[in-house]
Amino acid sequence: MEIFAAAVLFVNALFNVVVWPRFYPRIADDARATDAHGKRTAFYRVHVILIASAIVLAAVSVVAGVLVLL
């Protein structure tokens, strides 16, 4: 059961690292990412926070997976 739990955590980490950062270029280029004056909008900030959270969760998942195996 521990190996299964560690595998799930590692797959979760891999998914988050591979999938989420790929959204950044699309978000940055989206018309909703900047206002009329060129400043970043809440749309941009929220999505950057989502991507950063996914990367942090990936790191936590790797650490937890390693700890489960120890």
N, C-alpha and C. Protein backbone atom coordinates (compact mmCIF):
# COMPACT_ATOMS: atom_id res chain seq x y z
N MET A 1 0.82 -1.21 0.00
CA MET A 1 0.00 0.00 0.00
C MET A 1 0.86 1.27 0.00
N GLU A 2 2.01 1.19 0.68
CA GLU A 2 2.87 2.37 0.73
C GLU A 2 3.45 2.70 -0.65
N ILE A 3 3.78 1.66 -1.40
CA ILE A 3 4.32 1.89 -2.74
C ILE A 3 3.26 2.52 -3.63
N PHE A 4 2.02 2.08 -3.49
CA PHE A 4 0.92 2.67 -4.27
C PHE A 4 0.75 4.15 -3.91
N ALA A 5 0.77 4.46 -2.60
CA ALA A 5 0.62 5.85 -2.16
C ALA A 5 1.76 6.71 -2.70
N ALA A 6 2.98 6.20 -2.64
CA ALA A 6 4.12 6.96 -3.16
C ALA A 6 4.00 7.15 -4.67
N ALA A 7 3.56 6.10 -5.37
CA ALA A 7 3.39 6.22 -6.83
C ALA A 7 2.36 7.27 -7.18
N VAL A 8 1.25 7.31 -6.45
CA VAL A 8 0.21 8.32 -6.69
C VAL A 8 0.78 9.72 -6.46
N LEU A 9 1.55 9.89 -5.40
CA LEU A 9 2.14 11.20 -5.12
C LEU A 9 3.14 11.61 -6.21
N PHE A 10 3.94 10.65 -6.69
CA PHE A 10 4.90 10.97 -7.75
C PHE A 10 4.20 11.29 -9.08
N VAL A 11 3.15 10.57 -9.38
CA VAL A 11 2.39 10.85 -10.61
C VAL A 11 1.74 12.22 -10.51
N ASN A 12 1.20 12.54 -9.34
CA ASN A 12 0.61 13.86 -9.13
C ASN A 12 1.65 14.96 -9.34
N ALA A 13 2.83 14.76 -8.79
CA ALA A 13 3.90 15.76 -8.95
C ALA A 13 4.29 15.91 -10.41
N LEU A 14 4.44 14.79 -11.09
CA LEU A 14 4.80 14.84 -12.50
C LEU A 14 3.73 15.57 -13.33
N PHE A 15 2.48 15.25 -13.08
CA PHE A 15 1.39 15.91 -13.78
C PHE A 15 1.43 17.43 -13.57
N ASN A 16 1.57 17.84 -12.32
CA ASN A 16 1.57 19.28 -12.02
C ASN A 16 2.75 20.00 -12.67
N VAL A 17 3.90 19.36 -12.71
CA VAL A 17 5.08 20.01 -13.29
C VAL A 17 5.00 20.05 -14.80
N VAL A 18 4.40 19.04 -15.41
CA VAL A 18 4.34 18.98 -16.87
C VAL A 18 3.20 19.82 -17.43
N VAL A 19 2.03 19.75 -16.80
CA VAL A 19 0.83 20.34 -17.39
C VAL A 19 0.67 21.82 -17.05
N TRP A 20 0.75 22.19 -15.80
CA TRP A 20 0.40 23.55 -15.42
C TRP A 20 1.28 24.64 -16.01
N PRO A 21 2.60 24.50 -16.00
CA PRO A 21 3.43 25.58 -16.57
C PRO A 21 3.16 25.84 -18.05
N ARG A 22 2.66 24.86 -18.76
CA ARG A 22 2.39 25.05 -20.19
C ARG A 22 1.27 26.06 -20.43
N PHE A 23 0.46 26.33 -19.42
CA PHE A 23 -0.63 27.30 -19.57
C PHE A 23 -0.12 28.75 -19.50
N TYR A 24 1.06 28.96 -18.89
CA TYR A 24 1.52 30.32 -18.69
C TYR A 24 1.62 31.13 -19.98
N PRO A 25 2.24 30.63 -21.05
CA PRO A 25 2.32 31.46 -22.26
C PRO A 25 0.94 31.87 -22.80
N ARG A 26 -0.02 30.95 -22.71
CA ARG A 26 -1.36 31.30 -23.19
C ARG A 26 -2.01 32.36 -22.32
N ILE A 27 -1.80 32.25 -21.01
CA ILE A 27 -2.37 33.23 -20.09
C ILE A 27 -1.71 34.59 -20.30
N ALA A 28 -0.40 34.61 -20.42
CA ALA A 28 0.33 35.87 -20.60
C ALA A 28 -0.06 36.57 -21.89
N ASP A 29 -0.38 35.79 -22.94
CA ASP A 29 -0.75 36.39 -24.23
C ASP A 29 -2.24 36.69 -24.35
N ASP A 30 -3.03 36.25 -23.40
CA ASP A 30 -4.47 36.47 -23.45
C ASP A 30 -4.79 37.96 -23.31
N ALA A 31 -5.77 38.42 -24.05
CA ALA A 31 -6.16 39.84 -24.00
C ALA A 31 -6.65 40.24 -22.62
N ARG A 32 -7.17 39.29 -21.86
CA ARG A 32 -7.66 39.61 -20.51
C ARG A 32 -6.54 39.76 -19.49
N ALA A 33 -5.31 39.45 -19.87
CA ALA A 33 -4.18 39.51 -18.94
C ALA A 33 -3.70 40.93 -18.69
N THR A 34 -4.02 41.85 -19.59
CA THR A 34 -3.62 43.25 -19.41
C THR A 34 -4.82 44.16 -19.64
N ASP A 35 -4.77 45.31 -18.97
CA ASP A 35 -5.85 46.28 -19.18
C ASP A 35 -5.46 47.24 -20.30
N ALA A 36 -6.23 48.28 -20.48
CA ALA A 36 -6.01 49.24 -21.57
C ALA A 36 -4.67 49.98 -21.43
N HIS A 37 -4.15 50.04 -20.20
CA HIS A 37 -2.90 50.75 -19.95
C HIS A 37 -1.70 49.81 -19.93
N GLY A 38 -1.93 48.53 -20.19
CA GLY A 38 -0.84 47.56 -20.22
C GLY A 38 -0.50 46.94 -18.88
N LYS A 39 -1.27 47.27 -17.83
CA LYS A 39 -1.02 46.69 -16.51
C LYS A 39 -1.65 45.30 -16.44
N ARG A 40 -1.02 44.42 -15.66
CA ARG A 40 -1.56 43.07 -15.48
C ARG A 40 -2.86 43.14 -14.69
N THR A 41 -3.79 42.26 -15.04
CA THR A 41 -5.11 42.25 -14.43
C THR A 41 -5.23 41.13 -13.40
N ALA A 42 -6.38 41.11 -12.73
CA ALA A 42 -6.66 40.05 -11.77
C ALA A 42 -6.69 38.69 -12.47
N PHE A 43 -7.16 38.65 -13.70
CA PHE A 43 -7.16 37.41 -14.48
C PHE A 43 -5.76 36.82 -14.54
N TYR A 44 -4.80 37.63 -14.84
CA TYR A 44 -3.40 37.19 -14.93
C TYR A 44 -2.89 36.73 -13.57
N ARG A 45 -3.10 37.57 -12.55
CA ARG A 45 -2.59 37.25 -11.21
C ARG A 45 -3.17 35.96 -10.67
N VAL A 46 -4.46 35.76 -10.83
CA VAL A 46 -5.10 34.54 -10.34
C VAL A 46 -4.51 33.31 -11.01
N HIS A 47 -4.31 33.37 -12.31
CA HIS A 47 -3.78 32.21 -13.01
C HIS A 47 -2.32 31.95 -12.68
N VAL A 48 -1.56 32.98 -12.46
CA VAL A 48 -0.17 32.79 -12.04
C VAL A 48 -0.13 32.15 -10.65
N ILE A 49 -1.02 32.57 -9.77
CA ILE A 49 -1.10 31.97 -8.43
C ILE A 49 -1.50 30.50 -8.53
N LEU A 50 -2.42 30.17 -9.42
CA LEU A 50 -2.82 28.77 -9.62
C LEU A 50 -1.62 27.93 -10.09
N ILE A 51 -0.87 28.45 -11.03
CA ILE A 51 0.29 27.72 -11.54
C ILE A 51 1.35 27.55 -10.44
N ALA A 52 1.61 28.62 -9.70
CA ALA A 52 2.59 28.54 -8.61
C ALA A 52 2.13 27.55 -7.54
N SER A 53 0.85 27.54 -7.24
CA SER A 53 0.32 26.60 -6.26
C SER A 53 0.50 25.16 -6.72
N ALA A 54 0.28 24.92 -8.00
CA ALA A 54 0.45 23.57 -8.55
C ALA A 54 1.90 23.12 -8.44
N ILE A 55 2.84 24.03 -8.66
CA ILE A 55 4.26 23.68 -8.56
C ILE A 55 4.63 23.40 -7.10
N VAL A 56 4.11 24.20 -6.19
CA VAL A 56 4.36 23.95 -4.76
C VAL A 56 3.78 22.60 -4.35
N LEU A 57 2.56 22.30 -4.80
CA LEU A 57 1.95 21.01 -4.49
C LEU A 57 2.77 19.86 -5.08
N ALA A 58 3.36 20.07 -6.23
CA ALA A 58 4.22 19.04 -6.82
C ALA A 58 5.43 18.79 -5.93
N ALA A 59 6.03 19.84 -5.44
CA ALA A 59 7.19 19.68 -4.55
C ALA A 59 6.80 18.96 -3.26
N VAL A 60 5.67 19.34 -2.70
CA VAL A 60 5.18 18.70 -1.48
C VAL A 60 4.87 17.23 -1.74
N SER A 61 4.32 16.94 -2.90
CA SER A 61 4.00 15.55 -3.25
C SER A 61 5.26 14.70 -3.37
N VAL A 62 6.31 15.25 -3.95
CA VAL A 62 7.57 14.51 -4.06
C VAL A 62 8.14 14.24 -2.68
N VAL A 63 8.16 15.25 -1.84
CA VAL A 63 8.68 15.06 -0.48
C VAL A 63 7.84 14.03 0.27
N ALA A 64 6.53 14.12 0.18
CA ALA A 64 5.66 13.17 0.85
C ALA A 64 5.86 11.76 0.30
N GLY A 65 6.02 11.64 -1.01
CA GLY A 65 6.27 10.33 -1.62
C GLY A 65 7.55 9.70 -1.13
N VAL A 66 8.59 10.50 -1.01
CA VAL A 66 9.86 9.99 -0.50
C VAL A 66 9.70 9.57 0.96
N LEU A 67 9.02 10.39 1.75
CA LEU A 67 8.82 10.06 3.17
C LEU A 67 7.99 8.80 3.35
N VAL A 68 7.02 8.57 2.48
CA VAL A 68 6.21 7.36 2.55
C VAL A 68 7.09 6.13 2.31
N LEU A 69 8.04 6.26 1.41
CA LEU A 69 8.91 5.12 1.09
C LEU A 69 9.96 4.85 2.15
N LEU A 70 10.27 5.82 2.98
CA LEU A 70 11.30 5.62 4.03
C LEU A 70 10.78 4.82 5.20
